[in-house]
Amino acid sequence: QHKTTAHLTIAVNVSARQFRQAGFVAEVLHTLQQHNADPKNLKLELTESLLLGDIEDTIARMVQLKSEGVGFALDDFGTGYSSLSYLKRLPLDQVKIDQSFVRDVLTDPNDAAIVRTILALATSLDLQVVAEGVETTGQLGFLRLHGCEAFQGYLFGRPGPVEDIDAYLHPAG
């Protein structure tokens, strides 16, 4: 790993179907080993639909990967099937507030209340929070005011090709 990128975490969205495939855990660990990658730099983003299946199997797979250093985020939190009990049962590191709540956080008191509640709950459970879909400085200000420290959205940049990462990390001048 290059010293300027060694601290970066790569987040990978994993579907429920992928996660449940036989050999998924072994494949992830083999891929990390094959590329000499530090498992601590990998975060698997799971959606709440994963919770509809065999929850004990899901937890077992997560625990196995977590024991090797892989992290987990619950993506699009608040829009799916999750029960609050899953937040304490799953070996999560992070929840990602769905952009549907962030979008109108400044104009809809219900969205604002939901976002504040998710932030408070996650903080009390020692989970990191990422707010998705941040597009304005107003949204960013609200989120920061209420304790959010990590953000995704067009305010920070648009998705681009992998070839542009080096230029983004090492701007000229």
C-alpha atoms as a PDB file:
ATOM      1  CA  GLN A   1       0.000   0.000   0.000  1.00  0.00           C
ATOM      2  CA  HIS A   2       1.118   3.509  -0.768  1.00  0.00           C
ATOM      3  CA  LYS A   3       1.637   5.614   2.362  1.00  0.00           C
ATOM      4  CA  THR A   4      -0.707   8.380   1.163  1.00  0.00           C
ATOM      5  CA  THR A   5      -3.591   5.971   0.604  1.00  0.00           C
ATOM      6  CA  ALA A   6      -2.968   3.426   3.389  1.00  0.00           C
ATOM      7  CA  HIS A   7      -5.527   5.147   5.637  1.00  0.00           C
ATOM      8  CA  LEU A   8      -8.332   5.030   3.076  1.00  0.00           C
ATOM      9  CA  THR A   9     -11.246   2.657   3.483  1.00  0.00           C
ATOM     10  CA  ILE A  10     -12.859   1.082   0.453  1.00  0.00           C
ATOM     11  CA  ALA A  11     -16.608   0.629   0.854  1.00  0.00           C
ATOM     12  CA  VAL A  12     -18.216  -2.078  -1.266  1.00  0.00           C
ATOM     13  CA  ASN A  13     -21.965  -2.532  -1.621  1.00  0.00           C
ATOM     14  CA  VAL A  14     -22.939  -6.177  -1.210  1.00  0.00           C
ATOM     15  CA  SER A  15     -26.386  -7.463  -2.080  1.00  0.00           C
ATOM     16  CA  ALA A  16     -28.212  -9.911   0.157  1.00  0.00           C
ATOM     17  CA  ARG A  17     -27.918 -12.503  -2.602  1.00  0.00           C
ATOM     18  CA  GLN A  18     -24.138 -12.080  -2.850  1.00  0.00           C
ATOM     19  CA  PHE A  19     -23.683 -12.167   0.915  1.00  0.00           C
ATOM     20  CA  ARG A  20     -25.642 -15.425   1.231  1.00  0.00           C
ATOM     21  CA  GLN A  21     -23.718 -17.267  -1.490  1.00  0.00           C
ATOM     22  CA  ALA A  22     -21.797 -20.303  -0.342  1.00  0.00           C
ATOM     23  CA  GLY A  23     -18.141 -19.387  -0.177  1.00  0.00           C
ATOM     24  CA  PHE A  24     -18.689 -15.626   0.104  1.00  0.00           C
ATOM     25  CA  VAL A  25     -16.602 -15.256   3.273  1.00  0.00           C
ATOM     26  CA  ALA A  26     -13.777 -17.376   1.870  1.00  0.00           C
ATOM     27  CA  GLU A  27     -13.833 -15.430  -1.399  1.00  0.00           C
ATOM     28  CA  VAL A  28     -13.567 -12.072   0.371  1.00  0.00           C
ATOM     29  CA  LEU A  29     -10.693 -13.267   2.538  1.00  0.00           C
ATOM     30  CA  HIS A  30      -8.911 -14.860  -0.434  1.00  0.00           C
ATOM     31  CA  THR A  31      -9.255 -11.661  -2.481  1.00  0.00           C
ATOM     32  CA  LEU A  32      -7.819  -9.584   0.359  1.00  0.00           C
ATOM     33  CA  GLN A  33      -4.894 -11.975   0.740  1.00  0.00           C
ATOM     34  CA  GLN A  34      -4.322 -12.206  -3.016  1.00  0.00           C
ATOM     35  CA  HIS A  35      -3.983  -8.418  -3.262  1.00  0.00           C
ATOM     36  CA  ASN A  36      -2.088  -8.045   0.015  1.00  0.00           C
ATOM     37  CA  ALA A  37      -4.837  -5.721   1.242  1.00  0.00           C
ATOM     38  CA  ASP A  38      -5.415  -4.897   4.889  1.00  0.00           C
ATOM     39  CA  PRO A  39      -8.903  -6.137   5.868  1.00  0.00           C
ATOM     40  CA  LYS A  40      -9.254  -3.085   8.122  1.00  0.00           C
ATOM     41  CA  ASN A  41      -9.421  -0.981   4.953  1.00  0.00           C
ATOM     42  CA  LEU A  42     -12.486  -2.832   3.659  1.00  0.00           C
ATOM     43  CA  LYS A  43     -16.020  -1.927   4.675  1.00  0.00           C
ATOM     44  CA  LEU A  44     -18.881  -4.030   3.338  1.00  0.00           C
ATOM     45  CA  GLU A  45     -22.111  -2.080   2.972  1.00  0.00           C
ATOM     46  CA  LEU A  46     -25.179  -4.220   3.545  1.00  0.00           C
ATOM     47  CA  THR A  47     -28.772  -3.195   2.997  1.00  0.00           C
ATOM     48  CA  GLU A  48     -31.612  -3.899   5.365  1.00  0.00           C
ATOM     49  CA  SER A  49     -33.024  -6.488   2.920  1.00  0.00           C
ATOM     50  CA  LEU A  50     -30.292  -8.826   4.181  1.00  0.00           C
ATOM     51  CA  LEU A  51     -32.164  -8.950   7.468  1.00  0.00           C
ATOM     52  CA  LEU A  52     -35.116 -10.743   5.871  1.00  0.00           C
ATOM     53  CA  GLY A  53     -33.196 -13.987   5.578  1.00  0.00           C
ATOM     54  CA  ASP A  54     -31.573 -16.250   8.126  1.00  0.00           C
ATOM     55  CA  ILE A  55     -30.373 -13.665  10.634  1.00  0.00           C
ATOM     56  CA  GLU A  56     -28.259 -16.156  12.586  1.00  0.00           C
ATOM     57  CA  ASP A  57     -26.361 -17.120   9.416  1.00  0.00           C
ATOM     58  CA  THR A  58     -25.928 -13.441   8.561  1.00  0.00           C
ATOM     59  CA  ILE A  59     -24.499 -12.707  11.998  1.00  0.00           C
ATOM     60  CA  ALA A  60     -22.166 -15.727  11.813  1.00  0.00           C
ATOM     61  CA  ARG A  61     -20.778 -14.587   8.451  1.00  0.00           C
ATOM     62  CA  MET A  62     -20.362 -11.035   9.695  1.00  0.00           C
ATOM     63  CA  VAL A  63     -18.585 -12.197  12.854  1.00  0.00           C
ATOM     64  CA  GLN A  64     -16.211 -14.350  10.816  1.00  0.00           C
ATOM     65  CA  LEU A  65     -15.266 -11.451   8.521  1.00  0.00           C
ATOM     66  CA  LYS A  66     -15.145  -8.970  11.399  1.00  0.00           C
ATOM     67  CA  SER A  67     -12.707 -11.243  13.269  1.00  0.00           C
ATOM     68  CA  GLU A  68     -10.365 -10.802  10.295  1.00  0.00           C
ATOM     69  CA  GLY A  69     -10.717  -7.009  10.435  1.00  0.00           C
ATOM     70  CA  VAL A  70     -13.420  -6.343   7.825  1.00  0.00           C
ATOM     71  CA  GLY A  71     -15.879  -3.590   8.771  1.00  0.00           C
ATOM     72  CA  PHE A  72     -19.620  -3.327   8.142  1.00  0.00           C
ATOM     73  CA  ALA A  73     -22.066  -0.542   7.421  1.00  0.00           C
ATOM     74  CA  LEU A  74     -25.850  -0.754   7.292  1.00  0.00           C
ATOM     75  CA  ASP A  75     -26.724   1.162   4.123  1.00  0.00           C
ATOM     76  CA  ASP A  76     -29.872   3.238   3.519  1.00  0.00           C
ATOM     77  CA  PHE A  77     -30.736   3.027   7.205  1.00  0.00           C
ATOM     78  CA  GLY A  78     -34.322   3.780   8.074  1.00  0.00           C
ATOM     79  CA  THR A  79     -35.937   2.838   4.776  1.00  0.00           C
ATOM     80  CA  GLY A  80     -36.127  -0.925   4.955  1.00  0.00           C
ATOM     81  CA  TYR A  81     -37.050  -3.755   7.242  1.00  0.00           C
ATOM     82  CA  SER A  82     -34.739  -3.275  10.160  1.00  0.00           C
ATOM     83  CA  SER A  83     -35.747  -3.551  13.732  1.00  0.00           C
ATOM     84  CA  LEU A  84     -33.822  -1.583  16.297  1.00  0.00           C
ATOM     85  CA  SER A  85     -32.862  -4.896  17.888  1.00  0.00           C
ATOM     86  CA  TYR A  86     -30.681  -5.616  14.840  1.00  0.00           C
ATOM     87  CA  LEU A  87     -28.530  -2.610  15.658  1.00  0.00           C
ATOM     88  CA  LYS A  88     -27.413  -4.277  18.857  1.00  0.00           C
ATOM     89  CA  ARG A  89     -27.184  -7.820  17.434  1.00  0.00           C
ATOM     90  CA  LEU A  90     -25.267  -7.159  14.236  1.00  0.00           C
ATOM     91  CA  PRO A  91     -21.518  -6.510  14.453  1.00  0.00           C
ATOM     92  CA  LEU A  92     -21.816  -3.139  12.712  1.00  0.00           C
ATOM     93  CA  ASP A  93     -19.347  -0.268  12.663  1.00  0.00           C
ATOM     94  CA  GLN A  94     -21.493   2.249  10.856  1.00  0.00           C
ATOM     95  CA  VAL A  95     -24.981   3.202   9.717  1.00  0.00           C
ATOM     96  CA  LYS A  96     -25.677   5.310   6.666  1.00  0.00           C
ATOM     97  CA  ILE A  97     -28.640   7.672   6.882  1.00  0.00           C
ATOM     98  CA  ASP A  98     -30.641   7.325   3.691  1.00  0.00           C
ATOM     99  CA  GLN A  99     -30.694  10.363   1.427  1.00  0.00           C
ATOM    100  CA  SER A 100     -34.497  10.437   1.544  1.00  0.00           C
ATOM    101  CA  PHE A 101     -34.202  11.823   5.093  1.00  0.00           C
ATOM    102  CA  VAL A 102     -31.294  14.157   4.319  1.00  0.00           C
ATOM    103  CA  ARG A 103     -32.938  15.703   1.244  1.00  0.00           C
ATOM    104  CA  ASP A 104     -35.598  17.666   3.148  1.00  0.00           C
ATOM    105  CA  VAL A 105     -33.902  17.892   6.532  1.00  0.00           C
ATOM    106  CA  LEU A 106     -34.120  21.714   6.447  1.00  0.00           C
ATOM    107  CA  THR A 107     -37.778  21.932   5.432  1.00  0.00           C
ATOM    108  CA  ASP A 108     -39.502  18.870   6.858  1.00  0.00           C
ATOM    109  CA  PRO A 109     -39.622  18.727  10.665  1.00  0.00           C
ATOM    110  CA  ASN A 110     -40.252  14.970  10.536  1.00  0.00           C
ATOM    111  CA  ASP A 111     -37.114  14.324   8.481  1.00  0.00           C
ATOM    112  CA  ALA A 112     -35.141  16.569  10.831  1.00  0.00           C
ATOM    113  CA  ALA A 113     -36.446  14.641  13.851  1.00  0.00           C
ATOM    114  CA  ILE A 114     -35.634  11.287  12.246  1.00  0.00           C
ATOM    115  CA  VAL A 115     -32.087  12.378  11.388  1.00  0.00           C
ATOM    116  CA  ARG A 116     -31.477  13.732  14.904  1.00  0.00           C
ATOM    117  CA  THR A 117     -32.830  10.497  16.385  1.00  0.00           C
ATOM    118  CA  ILE A 118     -30.668   8.268  14.172  1.00  0.00           C
ATOM    119  CA  LEU A 119     -27.609  10.337  15.092  1.00  0.00           C
ATOM    120  CA  ALA A 120     -28.380  10.124  18.815  1.00  0.00           C
ATOM    121  CA  LEU A 121     -29.123   6.397  18.671  1.00  0.00           C
ATOM    122  CA  ALA A 122     -26.004   5.584  16.662  1.00  0.00           C
ATOM    123  CA  THR A 123     -23.836   7.663  18.973  1.00  0.00           C
ATOM    124  CA  SER A 124     -25.200   5.882  22.035  1.00  0.00           C
ATOM    125  CA  LEU A 125     -24.493   2.515  20.366  1.00  0.00           C
ATOM    126  CA  ASP A 126     -20.959   3.641  19.441  1.00  0.00           C
ATOM    127  CA  LEU A 127     -21.669   3.450  15.710  1.00  0.00           C
ATOM    128  CA  GLN A 128     -20.257   5.855  13.152  1.00  0.00           C
ATOM    129  CA  VAL A 129     -22.806   7.632  10.976  1.00  0.00           C
ATOM    130  CA  VAL A 130     -22.538   8.645   7.334  1.00  0.00           C
ATOM    131  CA  ALA A 131     -25.189  10.951   5.895  1.00  0.00           C
ATOM    132  CA  GLU A 132     -25.937  10.090   2.266  1.00  0.00           C
ATOM    133  CA  GLY A 133     -27.097  12.515  -0.392  1.00  0.00           C
ATOM    134  CA  VAL A 134     -25.641  15.736   1.037  1.00  0.00           C
ATOM    135  CA  GLU A 135     -26.027  18.340  -1.700  1.00  0.00           C
ATOM    136  CA  THR A 136     -26.108  21.721   0.056  1.00  0.00           C
ATOM    137  CA  THR A 137     -24.097  23.568   2.668  1.00  0.00           C
ATOM    138  CA  GLY A 138     -27.329  23.982   4.634  1.00  0.00           C
ATOM    139  CA  GLN A 139     -27.772  20.222   4.910  1.00  0.00           C
ATOM    140  CA  LEU A 140     -24.112  19.864   5.853  1.00  0.00           C
ATOM    141  CA  GLY A 141     -24.461  22.516   8.560  1.00  0.00           C
ATOM    142  CA  PHE A 142     -27.542  20.850  10.058  1.00  0.00           C
ATOM    143  CA  LEU A 143     -25.849  17.453  10.085  1.00  0.00           C
ATOM    144  CA  ARG A 144     -22.653  18.794  11.658  1.00  0.00           C
ATOM    145  CA  LEU A 145     -24.639  20.716  14.264  1.00  0.00           C
ATOM    146  CA  HIS A 146     -26.266  17.463  15.336  1.00  0.00           C
ATOM    147  CA  GLY A 147     -23.049  15.461  15.524  1.00  0.00           C
ATOM    148  CA  CYS A 148     -22.654  13.851  12.108  1.00  0.00           C
ATOM    149  CA  GLU A 149     -19.007  13.709  11.044  1.00  0.00           C
ATOM    150  CA  ALA A 150     -19.057  11.792   7.749  1.00  0.00           C
ATOM    151  CA  PHE A 151     -20.906  12.642   4.554  1.00  0.00           C
ATOM    152  CA  GLN A 152     -21.505  11.512   0.989  1.00  0.00           C
ATOM    153  CA  GLY A 153     -23.085  13.463  -1.802  1.00  0.00           C
ATOM    154  CA  TYR A 154     -22.745  15.801  -4.738  1.00  0.00           C
ATOM    155  CA  LEU A 155     -21.630  18.637  -2.446  1.00  0.00           C
ATOM    156  CA  PHE A 156     -18.292  16.810  -2.230  1.00  0.00           C
ATOM    157  CA  GLY A 157     -18.074  15.405  -5.739  1.00  0.00           C
ATOM    158  CA  ARG A 158     -19.763  13.235  -8.277  1.00  0.00           C
ATOM    159  CA  PRO A 159     -18.963   9.610  -9.021  1.00  0.00           C
ATOM    160  CA  GLY A 160     -16.185   9.185 -11.534  1.00  0.00           C
ATOM    161  CA  PRO A 161     -13.899   6.658 -13.160  1.00  0.00           C
ATOM    162  CA  VAL A 162     -11.293   4.842 -11.101  1.00  0.00           C
ATOM    163  CA  GLU A 163      -8.592   6.453 -13.235  1.00  0.00           C
ATOM    164  CA  ASP A 164      -9.382   9.831 -11.628  1.00  0.00           C
ATOM    165  CA  ILE A 165      -8.715   8.708  -8.045  1.00  0.00           C
ATOM    166  CA  ASP A 166      -4.979   9.391  -8.143  1.00  0.00           C
ATOM    167  CA  ALA A 167      -5.498  12.945  -9.429  1.00  0.00           C
ATOM    168  CA  TYR A 168      -8.137  13.522  -6.740  1.00  0.00           C
ATOM    169  CA  LEU A 169      -5.839  12.296  -3.969  1.00  0.00           C
ATOM    170  CA  HIS A 170      -2.768  14.111  -5.296  1.00  0.00           C
ATOM    171  CA  PRO A 171      -3.899  17.405  -6.866  1.00  0.00           C
ATOM    172  CA  ALA A 172      -1.261  19.237  -8.898  1.00  0.00           C
ATOM    173  CA  GLY A 173       0.218  22.373  -7.389  1.00  0.00           C
END
